[in-house]
């Protein structure tokens, strides 16, 4: 469950602006604010099943965006390759300034 939550949060970070306002609200409350389905249902005066269905469809939509655009996959690949470059530079005793700049580049990707 933790892996799914983490993935949904990352997908949401990349693609939330492509969702409807209602989808954004439900996903934000569910994944970011840790509201239960019942709490969201009460907040919007709808059934728990309606919230569940909306969140499920929104998750599918996020996955479809990722299947098409590959932003998350590409970021993970950039991070992996950057880490490999960093390790190779450290092993080869490359100039400390270069290693520091590579670390800074990798940190930028982790903040987004």
C-alpha atoms as a PDB file:
ATOM      1  CA  UNK A   1       0.000   0.000   0.000  1.00  0.00           C
ATOM      2  CA  UNK A   2       2.853   2.381   0.815  1.00  0.00           C
ATOM      3  CA  UNK A   3       4.334   1.907  -2.662  1.00  0.00           C
ATOM      4  CA  UNK A   4       0.992   2.693  -4.294  1.00  0.00           C
ATOM      5  CA  UNK A   5       0.544   5.814  -2.168  1.00  0.00           C
ATOM      6  CA  UNK A   6       4.056   6.962  -2.962  1.00  0.00           C
ATOM      7  CA  UNK A   7       3.545   6.353  -6.695  1.00  0.00           C
ATOM      8  CA  UNK A   8       0.190   8.153  -6.717  1.00  0.00           C
ATOM      9  CA  UNK A   9       1.713  11.128  -4.907  1.00  0.00           C
ATOM     10  CA  UNK A  10       4.502  11.312  -7.484  1.00  0.00           C
ATOM     11  CA  UNK A  11       2.081  10.967 -10.400  1.00  0.00           C
ATOM     12  CA  UNK A  12      -0.135  13.617  -8.820  1.00  0.00           C
ATOM     13  CA  UNK A  13       2.850  15.965  -8.541  1.00  0.00           C
ATOM     14  CA  UNK A  14       3.523  15.623 -12.260  1.00  0.00           C
ATOM     15  CA  UNK A  15       0.010  15.500 -13.695  1.00  0.00           C
ATOM     16  CA  UNK A  16      -2.446  17.087 -11.228  1.00  0.00           C
ATOM     17  CA  UNK A  17      -3.033  20.117 -13.425  1.00  0.00           C
ATOM     18  CA  UNK A  18      -4.442  17.813 -16.115  1.00  0.00           C
ATOM     19  CA  UNK A  19      -7.169  16.559 -13.749  1.00  0.00           C
ATOM     20  CA  UNK A  20     -10.510  18.199 -13.103  1.00  0.00           C
ATOM     21  CA  UNK A  21     -10.883  20.360 -10.001  1.00  0.00           C
ATOM     22  CA  UNK A  22     -13.017  17.657  -8.348  1.00  0.00           C
ATOM     23  CA  UNK A  23     -10.449  14.939  -9.091  1.00  0.00           C
ATOM     24  CA  UNK A  24      -7.727  17.159  -7.665  1.00  0.00           C
ATOM     25  CA  UNK A  25      -9.738  17.765  -4.491  1.00  0.00           C
ATOM     26  CA  UNK A  26     -10.467  14.089  -3.893  1.00  0.00           C
ATOM     27  CA  UNK A  27      -6.918  12.927  -4.586  1.00  0.00           C
ATOM     28  CA  UNK A  28      -5.419  15.727  -2.525  1.00  0.00           C
ATOM     29  CA  UNK A  29      -7.603  14.888   0.452  1.00  0.00           C
ATOM     30  CA  UNK A  30      -7.088  11.141   0.105  1.00  0.00           C
ATOM     31  CA  UNK A  31      -3.368  10.974  -0.632  1.00  0.00           C
ATOM     32  CA  UNK A  32      -1.933  14.257   0.626  1.00  0.00           C
ATOM     33  CA  UNK A  33      -4.142  14.930   3.658  1.00  0.00           C
ATOM     34  CA  UNK A  34      -4.787  11.246   4.508  1.00  0.00           C
ATOM     35  CA  UNK A  35      -8.571  11.585   4.685  1.00  0.00           C
ATOM     36  CA  UNK A  36     -10.587   8.369   4.630  1.00  0.00           C
ATOM     37  CA  UNK A  37     -13.180   7.711   1.930  1.00  0.00           C
ATOM     38  CA  UNK A  38     -15.907   8.235   4.528  1.00  0.00           C
ATOM     39  CA  UNK A  39     -14.475  11.573   5.619  1.00  0.00           C
ATOM     40  CA  UNK A  40     -14.349  12.795   2.028  1.00  0.00           C
ATOM     41  CA  UNK A  41     -17.897  11.537   1.422  1.00  0.00           C
ATOM     42  CA  UNK A  42     -19.145  13.438   4.454  1.00  0.00           C
ATOM     43  CA  UNK A  43     -17.298  16.589   3.403  1.00  0.00           C
ATOM     44  CA  UNK A  44     -18.946  16.573  -0.044  1.00  0.00           C
ATOM     45  CA  UNK A  45     -22.296  15.071   1.039  1.00  0.00           C
ATOM     46  CA  UNK A  46     -21.977  12.108  -1.323  1.00  0.00           C
ATOM     47  CA  UNK A  47     -21.705   8.355  -0.848  1.00  0.00           C
ATOM     48  CA  UNK A  48     -18.486   6.635   0.103  1.00  0.00           C
ATOM     49  CA  UNK A  49     -18.843   4.545  -3.077  1.00  0.00           C
ATOM     50  CA  UNK A  50     -18.972   7.700  -5.216  1.00  0.00           C
ATOM     51  CA  UNK A  51     -15.725   8.904  -3.648  1.00  0.00           C
ATOM     52  CA  UNK A  52     -14.129   5.485  -4.162  1.00  0.00           C
ATOM     53  CA  UNK A  53     -15.195   5.413  -7.824  1.00  0.00           C
ATOM     54  CA  UNK A  54     -13.919   8.941  -8.446  1.00  0.00           C
ATOM     55  CA  UNK A  55     -10.552   8.235  -6.824  1.00  0.00           C
ATOM     56  CA  UNK A  56     -10.214   4.970  -8.751  1.00  0.00           C
ATOM     57  CA  UNK A  57     -10.969   6.700 -12.076  1.00  0.00           C
ATOM     58  CA  UNK A  58      -8.552   9.502 -11.187  1.00  0.00           C
ATOM     59  CA  UNK A  59      -5.803   6.978 -10.428  1.00  0.00           C
ATOM     60  CA  UNK A  60      -6.410   5.334 -13.781  1.00  0.00           C
ATOM     61  CA  UNK A  61      -6.249   8.728 -15.470  1.00  0.00           C
ATOM     62  CA  UNK A  62      -2.906   9.505 -13.817  1.00  0.00           C
ATOM     63  CA  UNK A  63      -1.544   6.128 -14.957  1.00  0.00           C
ATOM     64  CA  UNK A  64      -2.764   6.803 -18.500  1.00  0.00           C
ATOM     65  CA  UNK A  65      -0.972  10.158 -18.525  1.00  0.00           C
ATOM     66  CA  UNK A  66       2.208   8.437 -17.369  1.00  0.00           C
ATOM     67  CA  UNK A  67       1.811   5.687 -19.996  1.00  0.00           C
ATOM     68  CA  UNK A  68       1.613   8.408 -22.643  1.00  0.00           C
ATOM     69  CA  UNK A  69       4.067  11.029 -21.380  1.00  0.00           C
ATOM     70  CA  UNK A  70       6.561   9.000 -19.301  1.00  0.00           C
ATOM     71  CA  UNK A  71       7.569  11.972 -17.119  1.00  0.00           C
ATOM     72  CA  UNK A  72       7.987   9.908 -13.953  1.00  0.00           C
ATOM     73  CA  UNK A  73       9.779   7.105 -15.769  1.00  0.00           C
ATOM     74  CA  UNK A  74      12.147   9.571 -17.446  1.00  0.00           C
ATOM     75  CA  UNK A  75      12.909  11.305 -14.137  1.00  0.00           C
ATOM     76  CA  UNK A  76      13.695   7.978 -12.495  1.00  0.00           C
ATOM     77  CA  UNK A  77      16.016   7.128 -15.388  1.00  0.00           C
ATOM     78  CA  UNK A  78      17.776  10.520 -15.127  1.00  0.00           C
ATOM     79  CA  UNK A  79      18.290   9.958 -11.414  1.00  0.00           C
ATOM     80  CA  UNK A  80      19.636   6.443 -11.982  1.00  0.00           C
ATOM     81  CA  UNK A  81      22.060   7.571 -14.667  1.00  0.00           C
ATOM     82  CA  UNK A  82      23.160  10.586 -12.643  1.00  0.00           C
ATOM     83  CA  UNK A  83      23.906   8.340  -9.680  1.00  0.00           C
ATOM     84  CA  UNK A  84      25.981   6.107 -11.920  1.00  0.00           C
ATOM     85  CA  UNK A  85      27.952   9.102 -13.212  1.00  0.00           C
ATOM     86  CA  UNK A  86      28.485  10.325  -9.661  1.00  0.00           C
ATOM     87  CA  UNK A  87      29.739   6.921  -8.518  1.00  0.00           C
ATOM     88  CA  UNK A  88      32.105   6.696 -11.500  1.00  0.00           C
ATOM     89  CA  UNK A  89      33.466  10.190 -10.819  1.00  0.00           C
ATOM     90  CA  UNK A  90      34.017   9.441  -7.148  1.00  0.00           C
ATOM     91  CA  UNK A  91      35.742   6.154  -8.001  1.00  0.00           C
ATOM     92  CA  UNK A  92      38.001   7.896 -10.510  1.00  0.00           C
ATOM     93  CA  UNK A  93      38.878  10.650  -8.015  1.00  0.00           C
ATOM     94  CA  UNK A  94      37.457  13.364 -10.283  1.00  0.00           C
ATOM     95  CA  UNK A  95      37.814  16.980  -9.176  1.00  0.00           C
ATOM     96  CA  UNK A  96      35.737  17.680  -6.045  1.00  0.00           C
ATOM     97  CA  UNK A  97      33.985  20.657  -7.694  1.00  0.00           C
ATOM     98  CA  UNK A  98      32.679  18.445 -10.499  1.00  0.00           C
ATOM     99  CA  UNK A  99      31.444  15.847  -8.029  1.00  0.00           C
ATOM    100  CA  UNK A 100      29.721  18.608  -6.014  1.00  0.00           C
ATOM    101  CA  UNK A 101      27.987  19.904  -9.147  1.00  0.00           C
ATOM    102  CA  UNK A 102      26.759  16.418 -10.046  1.00  0.00           C
ATOM    103  CA  UNK A 103      25.388  16.026  -6.512  1.00  0.00           C
ATOM    104  CA  UNK A 104      23.621  19.397  -6.865  1.00  0.00           C
ATOM    105  CA  UNK A 105      22.045  18.314 -10.166  1.00  0.00           C
ATOM    106  CA  UNK A 106      20.780  15.113  -8.605  1.00  0.00           C
ATOM    107  CA  UNK A 107      19.351  17.058  -5.648  1.00  0.00           C
ATOM    108  CA  UNK A 108      17.368  19.339  -7.988  1.00  0.00           C
ATOM    109  CA  UNK A 109      15.549  16.338  -9.417  1.00  0.00           C
ATOM    110  CA  UNK A 110      14.734  15.035  -5.940  1.00  0.00           C
ATOM    111  CA  UNK A 111      13.140  18.314  -4.814  1.00  0.00           C
ATOM    112  CA  UNK A 112      10.605  18.436  -7.635  1.00  0.00           C
END
